[in-house]
Amino acid sequence: MMIGCLSDGYILFADGPYFAHEDNDDAAILKSMLKNPVMLSFFQLADCIGVDRGFRDVVDETKSHGIDAARLKSVRARDAGKNLSGRSSSE
């Protein structure tokens, strides 16, 4: 199940279920969702979505639709082997 929610916690969409398979990772699921005009109608030009590293292979695809995919600060820090305080991870 792929769930998209807004920064205020409002659930925008819930799509799926998706079967667990090596070719069915987060990036592949989002790439297929971006082909759906209904899904794209939720976004405006220059909207930004927060993603984790599972979506790194679909960043170019989101940009081609005018959607910026930004890796969250806490994910970038974890990938660099750092820990963040609770306050700085939620900034």
Protein backbone atom coordinates (compact mmCIF):
# COMPACT_ATOMS: atom_id res chain seq x y z
CA MET A 1 0.00 0.00 0.00
CA MET A 2 1.36 3.41 -0.93
CA ILE A 3 -0.04 6.22 1.22
CA GLY A 4 0.47 9.91 0.53
CA CYS A 5 -0.29 12.43 3.25
CA LEU A 6 0.05 16.18 3.60
CA SER A 7 2.21 17.95 6.17
CA ASP A 8 -0.86 18.47 8.39
CA GLY A 9 -1.52 14.71 8.50
CA TYR A 10 -4.40 14.71 6.00
CA ILE A 11 -4.28 11.48 3.97
CA LEU A 12 -4.30 12.48 0.31
CA PHE A 13 -4.38 9.01 -1.22
CA ALA A 14 -3.97 5.33 -0.46
CA ASP A 15 -3.11 3.22 -3.49
CA GLY A 16 -2.53 -0.51 -3.70
CA PRO A 17 -2.08 -3.19 -2.60
CA TYR A 18 1.24 -3.86 -4.26
CA PHE A 19 2.84 -7.28 -4.22
CA ALA A 20 6.27 -7.65 -2.65
CA HIS A 21 8.67 -8.32 -5.51
CA GLU A 22 12.20 -7.19 -6.35
CA ASP A 23 10.92 -5.19 -9.34
CA ASN A 24 8.14 -3.60 -7.30
CA ASP A 25 10.13 -1.26 -5.06
CA ASP A 26 9.06 2.22 -3.87
CA ALA A 27 10.50 3.97 -6.93
CA ALA A 28 8.79 1.62 -9.40
CA ILE A 29 5.45 2.02 -7.62
CA LEU A 30 5.67 5.83 -7.65
CA LYS A 31 6.77 5.80 -11.29
CA SER A 32 3.64 3.84 -12.23
CA MET A 33 1.48 6.14 -10.12
CA LEU A 34 2.85 9.20 -11.96
CA LYS A 35 1.39 7.80 -15.19
CA ASN A 36 -2.11 8.17 -13.72
CA PRO A 37 -3.71 11.55 -14.56
CA VAL A 38 -5.87 11.38 -11.42
CA MET A 39 -2.76 11.04 -9.27
CA LEU A 40 -1.08 13.95 -11.07
CA SER A 41 -4.16 16.13 -10.50
CA PHE A 42 -3.26 16.27 -6.79
CA PHE A 43 -0.06 18.19 -7.58
CA GLN A 44 0.69 21.67 -8.83
CA LEU A 45 3.86 22.85 -10.56
CA ALA A 46 6.76 23.20 -8.08
CA ASP A 47 5.12 21.09 -5.34
CA CYS A 48 7.58 19.24 -3.15
CA ILE A 49 7.30 15.73 -1.77
CA GLY A 50 9.45 14.35 1.04
CA VAL A 51 10.93 10.96 0.22
CA ASP A 52 13.32 8.45 1.72
CA ARG A 53 16.16 6.72 -0.09
CA GLY A 54 13.82 4.09 -1.56
CA PHE A 55 12.63 6.72 -4.02
CA ARG A 56 16.05 7.88 -5.25
CA ASP A 57 15.58 6.15 -8.63
CA VAL A 58 12.43 8.12 -9.44
CA VAL A 59 13.58 11.68 -8.63
CA ASP A 60 14.14 12.53 -12.31
CA GLU A 61 10.65 11.26 -13.14
CA THR A 62 9.04 13.48 -10.50
CA LYS A 63 11.00 16.49 -11.74
CA SER A 64 9.78 15.87 -15.29
CA HIS A 65 6.25 16.36 -13.90
CA GLY A 66 7.23 19.57 -12.09
CA ILE A 67 7.32 17.91 -8.66
CA ASP A 68 10.43 18.30 -6.50
CA ALA A 69 11.38 15.19 -4.51
CA ALA A 70 13.39 16.20 -1.45
CA ARG A 71 15.11 13.72 0.83
CA LEU A 72 14.25 14.39 4.43
CA LYS A 73 16.94 15.82 6.70
CA SER A 74 16.78 12.83 9.06
CA VAL A 75 17.24 10.39 6.16
CA ARG A 76 20.25 12.30 4.81
CA ALA A 77 21.84 12.34 8.28
CA ARG A 78 21.26 8.63 8.82
CA ASP A 79 22.82 7.83 5.43
CA ALA A 80 25.87 9.86 6.51
CA GLY A 81 26.13 7.83 9.75
CA LYS A 82 24.97 10.68 12.00
CA ASN A 83 22.23 10.87 14.60
CA LEU A 84 20.00 13.91 14.97
CA SER A 85 18.28 15.17 18.09
CA GLY A 86 14.49 15.00 18.15
CA ARG A 87 14.29 18.75 17.67
CA SER A 88 16.61 18.95 14.65
CA SER A 89 15.11 15.89 12.95
CA SER A 90 11.69 17.54 12.91
CA GLU A 91 12.89 20.88 11.49
